Amino acid sequence: MRDDQLLELGDNNTRVALTAEGKECARQLVRQHRLAERLIHDVLGMKIDESETDACEFEHVVAPGLVDSICILLGHPRQCPHGRPIPRGECCDRNLRLVETAPRPLTSLRIGDHGRVAFVQCERDEQTHRLDSLYIQPGAMLKLHQSYPTYVIECEGVHIALEEKVAARIHVWVESGSSEK
């Protein structure tokens, strides 16, 4: 942590203090952990005492871009199931609401709309791997450029043509300002 400039040693290495960057990193980890507890408890229905291990794993594997989306999905909770405060995120400060960003099929977007991939429903592993190789995976940003005769999206800087049945399996959180068909 010292090499990453997250903490400082003082007084002959007997005093340890977090740097500003270290405090922010710790705040984000606490936020991710407590949101994971809410998600596991509220959405997945696990008991509080059973969710701790899963929340610990979750906080380290969730993509940073998805944390605000999870917070929005949960309605900006202020406390974890144990009653401890959840640090606010940018989504809370911008007052984003669940209704504005509920996941929708890509086929419901209008030309020019953009959003973040929430999940992809595939019938077979090959489909999942194919879309994953095109960077169409949870957390990826995309923009709809065309919807007929095929769907054309821009995802991570690459233009991709998709059949309607494939586009319907991609669900996104639509960014504020985008509209619904």
Protein backbone atom coordinates (compact mmCIF):
# COMPACT_ATOMS: atom_id res chain seq x y z
CA MET A 1 0.00 0.00 0.00
CA ARG A 2 2.93 2.28 0.66
CA ASP A 3 4.28 1.72 -2.87
CA ASP A 4 0.84 2.61 -4.24
CA GLN A 5 0.92 5.80 -2.15
CA LEU A 6 -2.16 4.77 -0.20
CA LEU A 7 -0.51 5.11 3.21
CA GLU A 8 2.31 6.98 4.88
CA LEU A 9 4.64 5.81 7.61
CA GLY A 10 5.85 8.25 10.24
CA ASP A 11 7.60 8.37 13.60
CA ASN A 12 10.20 5.69 12.88
CA ASN A 13 7.61 3.55 11.03
CA THR A 14 5.45 3.23 14.17
CA ARG A 15 2.67 5.50 12.95
CA VAL A 16 0.59 4.60 9.89
CA ALA A 17 -1.84 7.00 8.18
CA LEU A 18 -3.85 6.78 4.99
CA THR A 19 -3.13 9.34 2.30
CA ALA A 20 -6.02 11.21 0.67
CA GLU A 21 -5.91 8.64 -2.14
CA GLY A 22 -5.86 5.83 0.44
CA LYS A 23 -8.90 7.27 2.23
CA GLU A 24 -10.80 7.47 -1.06
CA CYS A 25 -9.84 3.89 -1.94
CA ALA A 26 -11.04 2.69 1.47
CA ARG A 27 -14.28 4.70 1.12
CA GLN A 28 -14.96 3.05 -2.25
CA LEU A 29 -14.30 -0.44 -0.86
CA VAL A 30 -16.65 0.21 2.06
CA ARG A 31 -19.28 1.51 -0.40
CA GLN A 32 -18.91 -1.54 -2.65
CA HIS A 33 -19.07 -3.94 0.30
CA ARG A 34 -22.15 -2.38 1.86
CA LEU A 35 -23.98 -2.11 -1.46
CA ALA A 36 -23.12 -5.78 -2.05
CA GLU A 37 -24.67 -6.63 1.32
CA ARG A 38 -27.85 -4.73 0.35
CA LEU A 39 -28.00 -6.45 -3.05
CA ILE A 40 -27.43 -9.91 -1.61
CA HIS A 41 -29.90 -9.35 1.23
CA ASP A 42 -32.63 -7.29 -0.48
CA VAL A 43 -32.63 -8.69 -4.01
CA LEU A 44 -31.31 -12.23 -3.57
CA GLY A 45 -33.03 -12.78 -0.23
CA MET A 46 -30.06 -14.13 1.73
CA LYS A 47 -29.94 -13.71 5.49
CA ILE A 48 -27.66 -10.97 6.80
CA ASP A 49 -25.32 -13.40 8.57
CA GLU A 50 -25.00 -15.53 5.41
CA SER A 51 -24.18 -12.63 3.09
CA GLU A 52 -20.89 -11.42 4.61
CA THR A 53 -18.52 -13.77 2.77
CA ASP A 54 -20.24 -13.16 -0.56
CA ALA A 55 -20.17 -9.39 -0.01
CA CYS A 56 -16.43 -9.56 0.71
CA GLU A 57 -15.80 -11.35 -2.58
CA PHE A 58 -18.19 -9.07 -4.47
CA GLU A 59 -16.47 -5.85 -3.37
CA HIS A 60 -13.25 -6.95 -5.07
CA VAL A 61 -14.65 -8.28 -8.35
CA VAL A 62 -17.38 -5.80 -9.31
CA ALA A 63 -16.39 -3.40 -12.09
CA PRO A 64 -16.16 0.15 -10.68
CA GLY A 65 -18.56 1.40 -13.36
CA LEU A 66 -21.27 -0.95 -12.12
CA VAL A 67 -21.24 0.25 -8.50
CA ASP A 68 -23.35 3.35 -9.25
CA SER A 69 -25.71 1.25 -11.39
CA ILE A 70 -26.23 -1.15 -8.48
CA CYS A 71 -26.81 1.80 -6.14
CA ILE A 72 -29.43 3.20 -8.55
CA LEU A 73 -31.07 -0.21 -8.90
CA LEU A 74 -31.34 -0.43 -5.10
CA GLY A 75 -32.76 3.10 -4.82
CA HIS A 76 -29.68 4.74 -3.22
CA PRO A 77 -29.80 2.94 0.14
CA ARG A 78 -28.33 4.90 3.03
CA GLN A 79 -27.48 1.94 5.27
CA CYS A 80 -26.33 -1.65 4.90
CA PRO A 81 -28.49 -4.41 6.43
CA HIS A 82 -26.45 -4.04 9.65
CA GLY A 83 -27.42 -0.36 9.92
CA ARG A 84 -24.01 1.05 8.98
CA PRO A 85 -23.94 4.06 6.62
CA ILE A 86 -23.22 3.52 2.92
CA PRO A 87 -20.90 6.23 1.53
CA ARG A 88 -22.64 8.29 -1.15
CA GLY A 89 -21.56 8.04 -4.78
CA GLU A 90 -21.78 10.31 -7.79
CA CYS A 91 -25.14 8.74 -8.69
CA CYS A 92 -26.54 9.81 -5.30
CA ASP A 93 -25.18 13.34 -5.72
CA ARG A 94 -26.72 13.62 -9.20
CA ASN A 95 -29.95 12.24 -7.74
CA LEU A 96 -30.35 9.59 -10.46
CA ARG A 97 -33.50 7.48 -10.01
CA LEU A 98 -34.28 3.85 -10.63
CA VAL A 99 -37.08 4.56 -13.10
CA GLU A 100 -34.79 6.51 -15.37
CA THR A 101 -32.25 3.73 -15.57
CA ALA A 102 -34.06 0.42 -15.18
CA PRO A 103 -32.52 -2.14 -17.55
CA ARG A 104 -34.33 -2.34 -20.90
CA PRO A 105 -33.80 -4.41 -24.03
CA LEU A 106 -31.55 -2.77 -26.59
CA THR A 107 -34.46 -3.01 -29.05
CA SER A 108 -36.39 -0.40 -27.00
CA LEU A 109 -33.81 2.32 -27.58
CA ARG A 110 -34.06 5.07 -30.17
CA ILE A 111 -31.30 6.00 -32.59
CA GLY A 112 -28.69 8.01 -30.69
CA ASP A 113 -29.57 6.60 -27.25
CA HIS A 114 -26.71 5.28 -25.21
CA GLY A 115 -26.31 3.32 -22.04
CA ARG A 116 -24.41 0.70 -20.06
CA VAL A 117 -24.93 -3.04 -20.56
CA ALA A 118 -26.70 -4.46 -17.50
CA PHE A 119 -26.89 -8.11 -18.60
CA VAL A 120 -27.06 -10.32 -21.69
CA GLN A 121 -29.43 -13.30 -21.97
CA CYS A 122 -28.07 -16.03 -24.20
CA GLU A 123 -29.44 -19.47 -24.97
CA ARG A 124 -26.04 -21.05 -25.51
CA ASP A 125 -22.52 -20.52 -24.20
CA GLU A 126 -21.29 -19.89 -27.76
CA GLN A 127 -23.54 -16.82 -27.99
CA THR A 128 -22.23 -15.52 -24.68
CA HIS A 129 -18.62 -16.02 -25.78
CA ARG A 130 -19.26 -14.40 -29.17
CA LEU A 131 -20.82 -11.28 -27.63
CA ASP A 132 -18.13 -11.19 -24.95
CA SER A 133 -15.45 -11.24 -27.67
CA LEU A 134 -17.14 -8.14 -29.14
CA TYR A 135 -16.93 -6.49 -25.67
CA ILE A 136 -20.72 -6.63 -25.29
CA GLN A 137 -20.68 -7.53 -21.61
CA PRO A 138 -22.02 -6.07 -18.36
CA GLY A 139 -20.58 -2.63 -17.75
CA ALA A 140 -19.75 -1.85 -21.38
CA MET A 141 -21.00 1.45 -22.80
CA LEU A 142 -22.89 1.37 -26.08
CA LYS A 143 -24.76 3.68 -28.44
CA LEU A 144 -27.48 2.73 -30.92
CA HIS A 145 -26.77 4.00 -34.45
CA GLN A 146 -29.31 2.04 -36.53
CA SER A 147 -32.28 -0.25 -35.93
CA TYR A 148 -33.26 -1.34 -39.45
CA PRO A 149 -32.57 -3.59 -41.34
CA THR A 150 -30.15 -4.64 -38.58
CA TYR A 151 -29.24 -3.07 -35.26
CA VAL A 152 -25.93 -1.24 -35.41
CA ILE A 153 -24.35 -0.27 -32.14
CA GLU A 154 -21.11 1.30 -31.13
CA CYS A 155 -19.62 -0.57 -28.20
CA GLU A 156 -16.25 0.34 -26.72
CA GLY A 157 -15.41 2.30 -29.89
CA VAL A 158 -16.32 -0.50 -32.34
CA HIS A 159 -19.38 -0.54 -34.63
CA ILE A 160 -21.22 -3.87 -34.51
CA ALA A 161 -24.23 -5.10 -36.53
CA LEU A 162 -26.69 -7.35 -34.69
CA GLU A 163 -29.80 -9.27 -35.68
CA GLU A 164 -32.96 -8.14 -33.87
CA LYS A 165 -33.22 -11.40 -31.90
CA VAL A 166 -29.67 -10.88 -30.58
CA ALA A 167 -30.26 -7.18 -29.82
CA ALA A 168 -33.38 -8.11 -27.83
CA ARG A 169 -31.23 -10.22 -25.50
CA ILE A 170 -28.97 -7.28 -24.56
CA HIS A 171 -30.37 -5.26 -21.66
CA VAL A 172 -29.01 -1.82 -20.84
CA TRP A 173 -29.33 0.93 -18.29
CA VAL A 174 -30.18 3.87 -20.50
CA GLU A 175 -28.34 7.09 -19.70
CA SER A 176 -30.28 10.18 -18.61
CA GLY A 177 -31.52 12.17 -21.59
CA SER A 178 -32.03 9.08 -23.74
CA SER A 179 -35.63 8.34 -24.61
CA GLU A 180 -37.81 5.27 -24.91
CA LYS A 181 -39.52 4.00 -28.09
